[in-house]
């Protein structure tokens, strides 16, 4: 195409060309116009084809539904098993994340206990000069021993970096949890062409919502809101209970996957 255009305009190249002093090349305006028209027409053709394909899916809804074999390996047993494997792993990871959060809470509450115990310690008598009275030093009381014990325990807890570990684990749980919750429903639709409203679907939706609500409370928790902390613990406790309720229904669905799917 381009060779023909250059051949047709070769006779007029001298009269209609201009010299680009910076680049040192000859440019024929008429040839450039023809090339631009050709590219524009090709682009319009592509756009029209894409609009036609989109229109087919819009007006013919059956063409957009999942059918047997249309998605190939995505309808197979391998991809169907990803959801149960990931969610079982996330169940145990949820328990681990909760443990990290409880340990971080212990770091905060143990300091409050120490502060309350310090209020019960009787001050040591001192002279007007501010020096301890000789012979007035009493043996360490049980309260002071408790303070020392809690202080050592808090030091050990701080070495565990539970705050950062809990935050990182919660972020991973939120990301993979939401991803696989949506992915599980999508895989069901790919294999069957529809979703199945029931306890497993509704509980899974509730778990996903609780994940989002728990994460939304983090800024308020960082500002010291006890209400936000209590709600965070409540939401995640409900989340664990819902997770447990998913195990029997999920096992039933898993058996159906083995019954109605094939490898891979």
C-alpha atoms as a PDB file:
ATOM      1  CA  UNK A   1       0.000   0.000   0.000  1.00  0.00           C
ATOM      2  CA  UNK A   2       2.706   2.470   1.001  1.00  0.00           C
ATOM      3  CA  UNK A   3       4.898   1.538  -2.002  1.00  0.00           C
ATOM      4  CA  UNK A   4       2.028   2.308  -4.381  1.00  0.00           C
ATOM      5  CA  UNK A   5       1.430   5.663  -2.748  1.00  0.00           C
ATOM      6  CA  UNK A   6       5.098   6.599  -3.087  1.00  0.00           C
ATOM      7  CA  UNK A   7       5.072   5.510  -6.743  1.00  0.00           C
ATOM      8  CA  UNK A   8       1.953   7.528  -7.586  1.00  0.00           C
ATOM      9  CA  UNK A   9       3.333  10.673  -6.021  1.00  0.00           C
ATOM     10  CA  UNK A  10       6.936  10.323  -7.169  1.00  0.00           C
ATOM     11  CA  UNK A  11       6.420  12.721 -10.083  1.00  0.00           C
ATOM     12  CA  UNK A  12       5.243  15.502  -7.766  1.00  0.00           C
ATOM     13  CA  UNK A  13       7.623  14.859  -4.921  1.00  0.00           C
ATOM     14  CA  UNK A  14       9.946  17.682  -5.911  1.00  0.00           C
ATOM     15  CA  UNK A  15       7.272  20.364  -6.292  1.00  0.00           C
ATOM     16  CA  UNK A  16       5.246  19.407  -3.194  1.00  0.00           C
ATOM     17  CA  UNK A  17       8.044  18.456  -0.838  1.00  0.00           C
ATOM     18  CA  UNK A  18       9.758  20.498   1.772  1.00  0.00           C
ATOM     19  CA  UNK A  19      13.217  20.221   3.222  1.00  0.00           C
ATOM     20  CA  UNK A  20      13.509  19.575   6.952  1.00  0.00           C
ATOM     21  CA  UNK A  21      16.838  21.187   7.733  1.00  0.00           C
ATOM     22  CA  UNK A  22      17.017  19.741  11.237  1.00  0.00           C
ATOM     23  CA  UNK A  23      16.412  16.092  10.283  1.00  0.00           C
ATOM     24  CA  UNK A  24      17.688  16.198   6.687  1.00  0.00           C
ATOM     25  CA  UNK A  25      14.784  14.269   5.121  1.00  0.00           C
ATOM     26  CA  UNK A  26      12.215  15.002   2.400  1.00  0.00           C
ATOM     27  CA  UNK A  27       8.564  14.899   3.457  1.00  0.00           C
ATOM     28  CA  UNK A  28       5.744  14.766   0.936  1.00  0.00           C
ATOM     29  CA  UNK A  29       2.576  16.284   2.449  1.00  0.00           C
ATOM     30  CA  UNK A  30       0.220  14.506   0.051  1.00  0.00           C
ATOM     31  CA  UNK A  31       1.670  11.113   0.987  1.00  0.00           C
ATOM     32  CA  UNK A  32       1.350  11.876   4.694  1.00  0.00           C
ATOM     33  CA  UNK A  33      -2.294  12.826   4.240  1.00  0.00           C
ATOM     34  CA  UNK A  34      -3.005   9.561   2.435  1.00  0.00           C
ATOM     35  CA  UNK A  35      -1.295   7.531   5.157  1.00  0.00           C
ATOM     36  CA  UNK A  36      -3.235   9.324   7.890  1.00  0.00           C
ATOM     37  CA  UNK A  37      -6.520   8.656   6.096  1.00  0.00           C
ATOM     38  CA  UNK A  38      -5.658   4.964   5.793  1.00  0.00           C
ATOM     39  CA  UNK A  39      -4.786   4.684   9.522  1.00  0.00           C
ATOM     40  CA  UNK A  40      -7.926   6.549  10.512  1.00  0.00           C
ATOM     41  CA  UNK A  41     -10.153   4.268   8.441  1.00  0.00           C
ATOM     42  CA  UNK A  42      -8.520   1.181   9.956  1.00  0.00           C
ATOM     43  CA  UNK A  43      -9.050   2.575  13.483  1.00  0.00           C
ATOM     44  CA  UNK A  44     -12.723   3.272  12.755  1.00  0.00           C
ATOM     45  CA  UNK A  45     -13.139  -0.297  11.520  1.00  0.00           C
ATOM     46  CA  UNK A  46     -11.696  -1.694  14.764  1.00  0.00           C
ATOM     47  CA  UNK A  47     -13.967   0.498  16.888  1.00  0.00           C
ATOM     48  CA  UNK A  48     -17.039  -0.581  14.921  1.00  0.00           C
ATOM     49  CA  UNK A  49     -16.106  -4.250  15.370  1.00  0.00           C
ATOM     50  CA  UNK A  50     -15.703  -3.821  19.129  1.00  0.00           C
ATOM     51  CA  UNK A  51     -19.056  -2.034  19.401  1.00  0.00           C
ATOM     52  CA  UNK A  52     -20.672  -4.861  17.464  1.00  0.00           C
ATOM     53  CA  UNK A  53     -19.273  -7.487  19.853  1.00  0.00           C
ATOM     54  CA  UNK A  54     -20.391  -5.516  22.899  1.00  0.00           C
ATOM     55  CA  UNK A  55     -23.839  -5.137  21.382  1.00  0.00           C
ATOM     56  CA  UNK A  56     -24.096  -8.887  20.898  1.00  0.00           C
ATOM     57  CA  UNK A  57     -23.487  -9.497  24.604  1.00  0.00           C
ATOM     58  CA  UNK A  58     -25.839  -6.699  25.609  1.00  0.00           C
ATOM     59  CA  UNK A  59     -28.826  -7.619  23.482  1.00  0.00           C
ATOM     60  CA  UNK A  60     -28.285 -11.393  23.577  1.00  0.00           C
ATOM     61  CA  UNK A  61     -27.912 -12.111  27.304  1.00  0.00           C
ATOM     62  CA  UNK A  62     -27.661 -15.862  26.752  1.00  0.00           C
ATOM     63  CA  UNK A  63     -24.348 -15.302  24.992  1.00  0.00           C
ATOM     64  CA  UNK A  64     -22.909 -13.935  28.235  1.00  0.00           C
ATOM     65  CA  UNK A  65     -23.997 -16.840  30.424  1.00  0.00           C
ATOM     66  CA  UNK A  66     -21.645 -19.608  31.434  1.00  0.00           C
ATOM     67  CA  UNK A  67     -22.153 -22.866  29.539  1.00  0.00           C
ATOM     68  CA  UNK A  68     -20.484 -26.252  29.788  1.00  0.00           C
ATOM     69  CA  UNK A  69     -16.959 -26.160  28.503  1.00  0.00           C
ATOM     70  CA  UNK A  70     -16.972 -22.536  27.416  1.00  0.00           C
ATOM     71  CA  UNK A  71     -14.412 -21.516  30.038  1.00  0.00           C
ATOM     72  CA  UNK A  72     -12.249 -24.596  29.637  1.00  0.00           C
ATOM     73  CA  UNK A  73     -10.005 -25.388  32.593  1.00  0.00           C
ATOM     74  CA  UNK A  74     -11.711 -22.694  34.685  1.00  0.00           C
ATOM     75  CA  UNK A  75     -14.697 -25.036  34.954  1.00  0.00           C
ATOM     76  CA  UNK A  76     -12.539 -27.960  36.064  1.00  0.00           C
ATOM     77  CA  UNK A  77     -11.901 -29.465  39.469  1.00  0.00           C
ATOM     78  CA  UNK A  78      -8.538 -27.772  39.958  1.00  0.00           C
ATOM     79  CA  UNK A  79      -9.924 -24.250  40.045  1.00  0.00           C
ATOM     80  CA  UNK A  80     -12.984 -25.391  41.999  1.00  0.00           C
ATOM     81  CA  UNK A  81     -10.729 -26.660  44.808  1.00  0.00           C
ATOM     82  CA  UNK A  82      -8.890 -23.358  45.184  1.00  0.00           C
ATOM     83  CA  UNK A  83     -11.726 -21.781  47.181  1.00  0.00           C
ATOM     84  CA  UNK A  84     -12.070 -24.467  49.879  1.00  0.00           C
ATOM     85  CA  UNK A  85      -8.305 -24.837  50.283  1.00  0.00           C
ATOM     86  CA  UNK A  86      -7.748 -21.090  50.648  1.00  0.00           C
ATOM     87  CA  UNK A  87     -10.707 -20.572  52.980  1.00  0.00           C
ATOM     88  CA  UNK A  88      -9.700 -23.420  55.300  1.00  0.00           C
ATOM     89  CA  UNK A  89      -6.235 -21.892  55.452  1.00  0.00           C
ATOM     90  CA  UNK A  90      -7.750 -18.487  56.202  1.00  0.00           C
ATOM     91  CA  UNK A  91      -9.810 -19.987  59.028  1.00  0.00           C
ATOM     92  CA  UNK A  92      -6.675 -21.050  60.889  1.00  0.00           C
ATOM     93  CA  UNK A  93      -4.973 -17.813  59.891  1.00  0.00           C
ATOM     94  CA  UNK A  94      -7.915 -15.951  61.452  1.00  0.00           C
ATOM     95  CA  UNK A  95      -7.304 -17.717  64.761  1.00  0.00           C
ATOM     96  CA  UNK A  96      -3.610 -16.834  64.573  1.00  0.00           C
ATOM     97  CA  UNK A  97      -4.430 -13.192  63.796  1.00  0.00           C
ATOM     98  CA  UNK A  98      -6.802 -13.111  66.758  1.00  0.00           C
ATOM     99  CA  UNK A  99      -4.080 -14.474  69.035  1.00  0.00           C
ATOM    100  CA  UNK A 100      -1.684 -11.738  67.901  1.00  0.00           C
ATOM    101  CA  UNK A 101      -4.351  -9.118  68.516  1.00  0.00           C
ATOM    102  CA  UNK A 102      -5.080 -10.460  71.983  1.00  0.00           C
ATOM    103  CA  UNK A 103      -1.399 -10.358  72.889  1.00  0.00           C
ATOM    104  CA  UNK A 104      -1.168  -6.747  71.747  1.00  0.00           C
ATOM    105  CA  UNK A 105      -4.237  -5.944  73.821  1.00  0.00           C
ATOM    106  CA  UNK A 106      -2.502  -7.575  76.774  1.00  0.00           C
ATOM    107  CA  UNK A 107       0.458  -5.202  76.310  1.00  0.00           C
ATOM    108  CA  UNK A 108      -1.887  -2.247  76.724  1.00  0.00           C
ATOM    109  CA  UNK A 109      -4.014  -3.597  79.564  1.00  0.00           C
ATOM    110  CA  UNK A 110      -1.059  -4.831  81.604  1.00  0.00           C
ATOM    111  CA  UNK A 111       0.273  -1.270  81.792  1.00  0.00           C
ATOM    112  CA  UNK A 112      -3.095  -0.137  83.126  1.00  0.00           C
ATOM    113  CA  UNK A 113      -2.895  -2.822  85.816  1.00  0.00           C
ATOM    114  CA  UNK A 114       0.588  -1.649  86.785  1.00  0.00           C
ATOM    115  CA  UNK A 115      -0.611   1.945  87.091  1.00  0.00           C
ATOM    116  CA  UNK A 116      -3.496   0.908  89.354  1.00  0.00           C
ATOM    117  CA  UNK A 117      -1.227  -1.170  91.580  1.00  0.00           C
ATOM    118  CA  UNK A 118       1.226   1.698  91.942  1.00  0.00           C
ATOM    119  CA  UNK A 119      -1.546   3.751  93.497  1.00  0.00           C
ATOM    120  CA  UNK A 120      -1.829   1.154  96.282  1.00  0.00           C
ATOM    121  CA  UNK A 121       1.846   1.292  97.226  1.00  0.00           C
ATOM    122  CA  UNK A 122       2.437   3.335 100.397  1.00  0.00           C
ATOM    123  CA  UNK A 123       5.102   6.008  99.992  1.00  0.00           C
ATOM    124  CA  UNK A 124       8.349   5.564 101.923  1.00  0.00           C
ATOM    125  CA  UNK A 125       8.682   8.036 104.857  1.00  0.00           C
ATOM    126  CA  UNK A 126      11.280  10.720 104.252  1.00  0.00           C
ATOM    127  CA  UNK A 127      12.996  13.395 106.333  1.00  0.00           C
ATOM    128  CA  UNK A 128      12.406  17.119 105.761  1.00  0.00           C
ATOM    129  CA  UNK A 129      15.527  17.040 103.636  1.00  0.00           C
ATOM    130  CA  UNK A 130      13.902  14.417 101.373  1.00  0.00           C
ATOM    131  CA  UNK A 131      16.024  11.485 102.509  1.00  0.00           C
ATOM    132  CA  UNK A 132      14.450   8.131 103.486  1.00  0.00           C
ATOM    133  CA  UNK A 133      14.006   7.692 107.223  1.00  0.00           C
ATOM    134  CA  UNK A 134      16.496   5.182 108.587  1.00  0.00           C
ATOM    135  CA  UNK A 135      14.860   1.931 109.630  1.00  0.00           C
ATOM    136  CA  UNK A 136      11.536   2.936 108.040  1.00  0.00           C
ATOM    137  CA  UNK A 137      12.057   0.868 104.890  1.00  0.00           C
ATOM    138  CA  UNK A 138       9.489  -1.893 104.944  1.00  0.00           C
ATOM    139  CA  UNK A 139       9.985  -5.196 103.142  1.00  0.00           C
ATOM    140  CA  UNK A 140       8.556  -5.455  99.661  1.00  0.00           C
ATOM    141  CA  UNK A 141       4.819  -5.927  99.837  1.00  0.00           C
ATOM    142  CA  UNK A 142       2.769  -8.308  97.689  1.00  0.00           C
ATOM    143  CA  UNK A 143       1.632  -5.326  95.632  1.00  0.00           C
ATOM    144  CA  UNK A 144       5.191  -4.367  94.766  1.00  0.00           C
ATOM    145  CA  UNK A 145       6.022  -7.945  93.884  1.00  0.00           C
ATOM    146  CA  UNK A 146       2.998  -8.018  91.584  1.00  0.00           C
ATOM    147  CA  UNK A 147       4.116  -4.782  89.927  1.00  0.00           C
ATOM    148  CA  UNK A 148       7.557  -6.242  89.333  1.00  0.00           C
ATOM    149  CA  UNK A 149       6.076  -9.416  87.891  1.00  0.00           C
ATOM    150  CA  UNK A 150       3.764  -7.524  85.506  1.00  0.00           C
ATOM    151  CA  UNK A 151       6.586  -5.232  84.442  1.00  0.00           C
ATOM    152  CA  UNK A 152       8.737  -8.195  83.447  1.00  0.00           C
ATOM    153  CA  UNK A 153       5.804  -9.774  81.625  1.00  0.00           C
ATOM    154  CA  UNK A 154       5.181  -6.568  79.680  1.00  0.00           C
ATOM    155  CA  UNK A 155       8.833  -6.383  78.659  1.00  0.00           C
ATOM    156  CA  UNK A 156       8.620  -9.896  77.228  1.00  0.00           C
ATOM    157  CA  UNK A 157       5.414  -9.053  75.366  1.00  0.00           C
ATOM    158  CA  UNK A 158       6.969  -5.954  73.837  1.00  0.00           C
ATOM    159  CA  UNK A 159       9.756  -8.094  72.407  1.00  0.00           C
ATOM    160  CA  UNK A 160       7.133 -10.002  70.404  1.00  0.00           C
ATOM    161  CA  UNK A 161       6.167  -6.926  68.296  1.00  0.00           C
ATOM    162  CA  UNK A 162       2.545  -8.064  68.460  1.00  0.00           C
ATOM    163  CA  UNK A 163       1.131  -4.752  67.269  1.00  0.00           C
ATOM    164  CA  UNK A 164       2.951  -4.806  63.922  1.00  0.00           C
ATOM    165  CA  UNK A 165       2.440  -8.531  63.455  1.00  0.00           C
ATOM    166  CA  UNK A 166      -1.279  -8.238  64.155  1.00  0.00           C
ATOM    167  CA  UNK A 167      -1.609  -5.316  61.744  1.00  0.00           C
ATOM    168  CA  UNK A 168       0.233  -7.166  58.966  1.00  0.00           C
ATOM    169  CA  UNK A 169      -1.723 -10.377  59.536  1.00  0.00           C
ATOM    170  CA  UNK A 170      -5.009  -8.460  59.495  1.00  0.00           C
ATOM    171  CA  UNK A 171      -4.092  -6.818  56.196  1.00  0.00           C
ATOM    172  CA  UNK A 172      -3.280 -10.187  54.641  1.00  0.00           C
ATOM    173  CA  UNK A 173      -6.505 -11.678  55.983  1.00  0.00           C
ATOM    174  CA  UNK A 174      -8.577  -8.815  54.589  1.00  0.00           C
ATOM    175  CA  UNK A 175      -6.947  -8.911  51.168  1.00  0.00           C
ATOM    176  CA  UNK A 176      -6.994 -12.665  50.572  1.00  0.00           C
ATOM    177  CA  UNK A 177     -10.345 -13.083  52.318  1.00  0.00           C
ATOM    178  CA  UNK A 178     -12.232 -10.620  50.133  1.00  0.00           C
ATOM    179  CA  UNK A 179     -10.439 -11.844  47.018  1.00  0.00           C
ATOM    180  CA  UNK A 180     -11.324 -15.489  47.598  1.00  0.00           C
ATOM    181  CA  UNK A 181     -14.857 -14.749  48.841  1.00  0.00           C
ATOM    182  CA  UNK A 182     -15.596 -13.095  45.507  1.00  0.00           C
ATOM    183  CA  UNK A 183     -13.560 -15.703  43.643  1.00  0.00           C
ATOM    184  CA  UNK A 184     -15.576 -18.546  45.158  1.00  0.00           C
ATOM    185  CA  UNK A 185     -18.864 -17.099  43.941  1.00  0.00           C
ATOM    186  CA  UNK A 186     -17.354 -16.406  40.534  1.00  0.00           C
ATOM    187  CA  UNK A 187     -16.118 -19.991  40.242  1.00  0.00           C
ATOM    188  CA  UNK A 188     -19.578 -21.309  41.097  1.00  0.00           C
ATOM    189  CA  UNK A 189     -21.081 -19.165  38.360  1.00  0.00           C
ATOM    190  CA  UNK A 190     -18.460 -20.316  35.848  1.00  0.00           C
ATOM    191  CA  UNK A 191     -19.173 -23.983  36.597  1.00  0.00           C
ATOM    192  CA  UNK A 192     -22.975 -23.832  36.873  1.00  0.00           C
ATOM    193  CA  UNK A 193     -24.103 -20.580  35.286  1.00  0.00           C
ATOM    194  CA  UNK A 194     -25.787 -19.377  38.491  1.00  0.00           C
ATOM    195  CA  UNK A 195     -25.399 -18.889  42.240  1.00  0.00           C
ATOM    196  CA  UNK A 196     -27.182 -20.862  44.953  1.00  0.00           C
ATOM    197  CA  UNK A 197     -28.731 -18.708  47.711  1.00  0.00           C
ATOM    198  CA  UNK A 198     -28.391 -20.523  51.009  1.00  0.00           C
ATOM    199  CA  UNK A 199     -26.600 -20.616  54.368  1.00  0.00           C
ATOM    200  CA  UNK A 200     -23.137 -20.914  52.835  1.00  0.00           C
ATOM    201  CA  UNK A 201     -23.570 -17.953  50.498  1.00  0.00           C
ATOM    202  CA  UNK A 202     -25.213 -15.732  53.120  1.00  0.00           C
ATOM    203  CA  UNK A 203     -22.700 -16.570  55.856  1.00  0.00           C
ATOM    204  CA  UNK A 204     -19.829 -15.995  53.445  1.00  0.00           C
ATOM    205  CA  UNK A 205     -21.250 -12.593  52.557  1.00  0.00           C
ATOM    206  CA  UNK A 206     -21.583 -11.718  56.253  1.00  0.00           C
ATOM    207  CA  UNK A 207     -17.971 -12.752  56.888  1.00  0.00           C
ATOM    208  CA  UNK A 208     -16.773 -10.482  54.092  1.00  0.00           C
ATOM    209  CA  UNK A 209     -18.790  -7.558  55.471  1.00  0.00           C
ATOM    210  CA  UNK A 210     -17.415  -8.137  58.983  1.00  0.00           C
ATOM    211  CA  UNK A 211     -13.876  -8.102  57.604  1.00  0.00           C
ATOM    212  CA  UNK A 212     -14.545  -4.699  56.063  1.00  0.00           C
ATOM    213  CA  UNK A 213     -16.190  -3.314  59.210  1.00  0.00           C
ATOM    214  CA  UNK A 214     -13.346  -4.517  61.413  1.00  0.00           C
ATOM    215  CA  UNK A 215     -10.787  -2.855  59.154  1.00  0.00           C
ATOM    216  CA  UNK A 216     -12.823   0.370  59.098  1.00  0.00           C
ATOM    217  CA  UNK A 217     -12.491   0.640  62.894  1.00  0.00           C
ATOM    218  CA  UNK A 218      -8.686   0.697  62.847  1.00  0.00           C
ATOM    219  CA  UNK A 219      -8.286   4.513  62.588  1.00  0.00           C
ATOM    220  CA  UNK A 220     -10.547   5.029  65.624  1.00  0.00           C
ATOM    221  CA  UNK A 221      -8.699   2.310  67.519  1.00  0.00           C
ATOM    222  CA  UNK A 222      -5.389   4.030  66.839  1.00  0.00           C
ATOM    223  CA  UNK A 223      -6.837   7.182  68.413  1.00  0.00           C
ATOM    224  CA  UNK A 224      -7.618   5.249  71.604  1.00  0.00           C
ATOM    225  CA  UNK A 225     -11.366   4.659  71.206  1.00  0.00           C
ATOM    226  CA  UNK A 226     -12.393   1.837  73.544  1.00  0.00           C
ATOM    227  CA  UNK A 227     -15.752   1.553  71.775  1.00  0.00           C
ATOM    228  CA  UNK A 228     -14.000   0.907  68.469  1.00  0.00           C
ATOM    229  CA  UNK A 229     -11.767  -1.692  70.111  1.00  0.00           C
ATOM    230  CA  UNK A 230     -14.741  -3.473  71.658  1.00  0.00           C
ATOM    231  CA  UNK A 231     -16.604  -3.492  68.342  1.00  0.00           C
ATOM    232  CA  UNK A 232     -13.471  -4.761  66.584  1.00  0.00           C
ATOM    233  CA  UNK A 233     -13.268  -7.706  68.968  1.00  0.00           C
ATOM    234  CA  UNK A 234     -17.021  -8.359  68.700  1.00  0.00           C
ATOM    235  CA  UNK A 235     -17.026  -8.346  64.902  1.00  0.00           C
ATOM    236  CA  UNK A 236     -14.076 -10.715  64.700  1.00  0.00           C
ATOM    237  CA  UNK A 237     -15.591 -13.060  67.295  1.00  0.00           C
ATOM    238  CA  UNK A 238     -18.767 -13.247  65.193  1.00  0.00           C
ATOM    239  CA  UNK A 239     -16.549 -13.792  62.178  1.00  0.00           C
ATOM    240  CA  UNK A 240     -14.931 -16.850  63.748  1.00  0.00           C
ATOM    241  CA  UNK A 241     -18.343 -18.283  64.698  1.00  0.00           C
ATOM    242  CA  UNK A 242     -19.620 -17.785  61.147  1.00  0.00           C
ATOM    243  CA  UNK A 243     -16.434 -19.365  59.830  1.00  0.00           C
ATOM    244  CA  UNK A 244     -17.093 -22.440  61.970  1.00  0.00           C
ATOM    245  CA  UNK A 245     -20.660 -22.634  60.645  1.00  0.00           C
ATOM    246  CA  UNK A 246     -19.245 -22.660  57.105  1.00  0.00           C
ATOM    247  CA  UNK A 247     -17.321 -25.890  57.636  1.00  0.00           C
ATOM    248  CA  UNK A 248     -20.231 -28.388  57.349  1.00  0.00           C
ATOM    249  CA  UNK A 249     -21.952 -26.570  54.473  1.00  0.00           C
ATOM    250  CA  UNK A 250     -18.633 -26.106  52.721  1.00  0.00           C
ATOM    251  CA  UNK A 251     -17.901 -29.824  53.046  1.00  0.00           C
ATOM    252  CA  UNK A 252     -21.224 -30.644  51.364  1.00  0.00           C
ATOM    253  CA  UNK A 253     -20.392 -28.340  48.478  1.00  0.00           C
ATOM    254  CA  UNK A 254     -16.927 -29.886  48.251  1.00  0.00           C
ATOM    255  CA  UNK A 255     -18.465 -33.333  47.813  1.00  0.00           C
ATOM    256  CA  UNK A 256     -20.634 -31.997  44.989  1.00  0.00           C
ATOM    257  CA  UNK A 257     -17.543 -30.545  43.344  1.00  0.00           C
ATOM    258  CA  UNK A 258     -15.938 -33.999  43.271  1.00  0.00           C
ATOM    259  CA  UNK A 259     -19.203 -35.450  41.977  1.00  0.00           C
ATOM    260  CA  UNK A 260     -19.876 -33.041  39.121  1.00  0.00           C
ATOM    261  CA  UNK A 261     -16.403 -31.931  38.031  1.00  0.00           C
ATOM    262  CA  UNK A 262     -13.435 -33.609  36.413  1.00  0.00           C
ATOM    263  CA  UNK A 263      -9.691 -33.057  36.401  1.00  0.00           C
ATOM    264  CA  UNK A 264      -8.070 -30.775  35.627  1.00  0.00           C
END
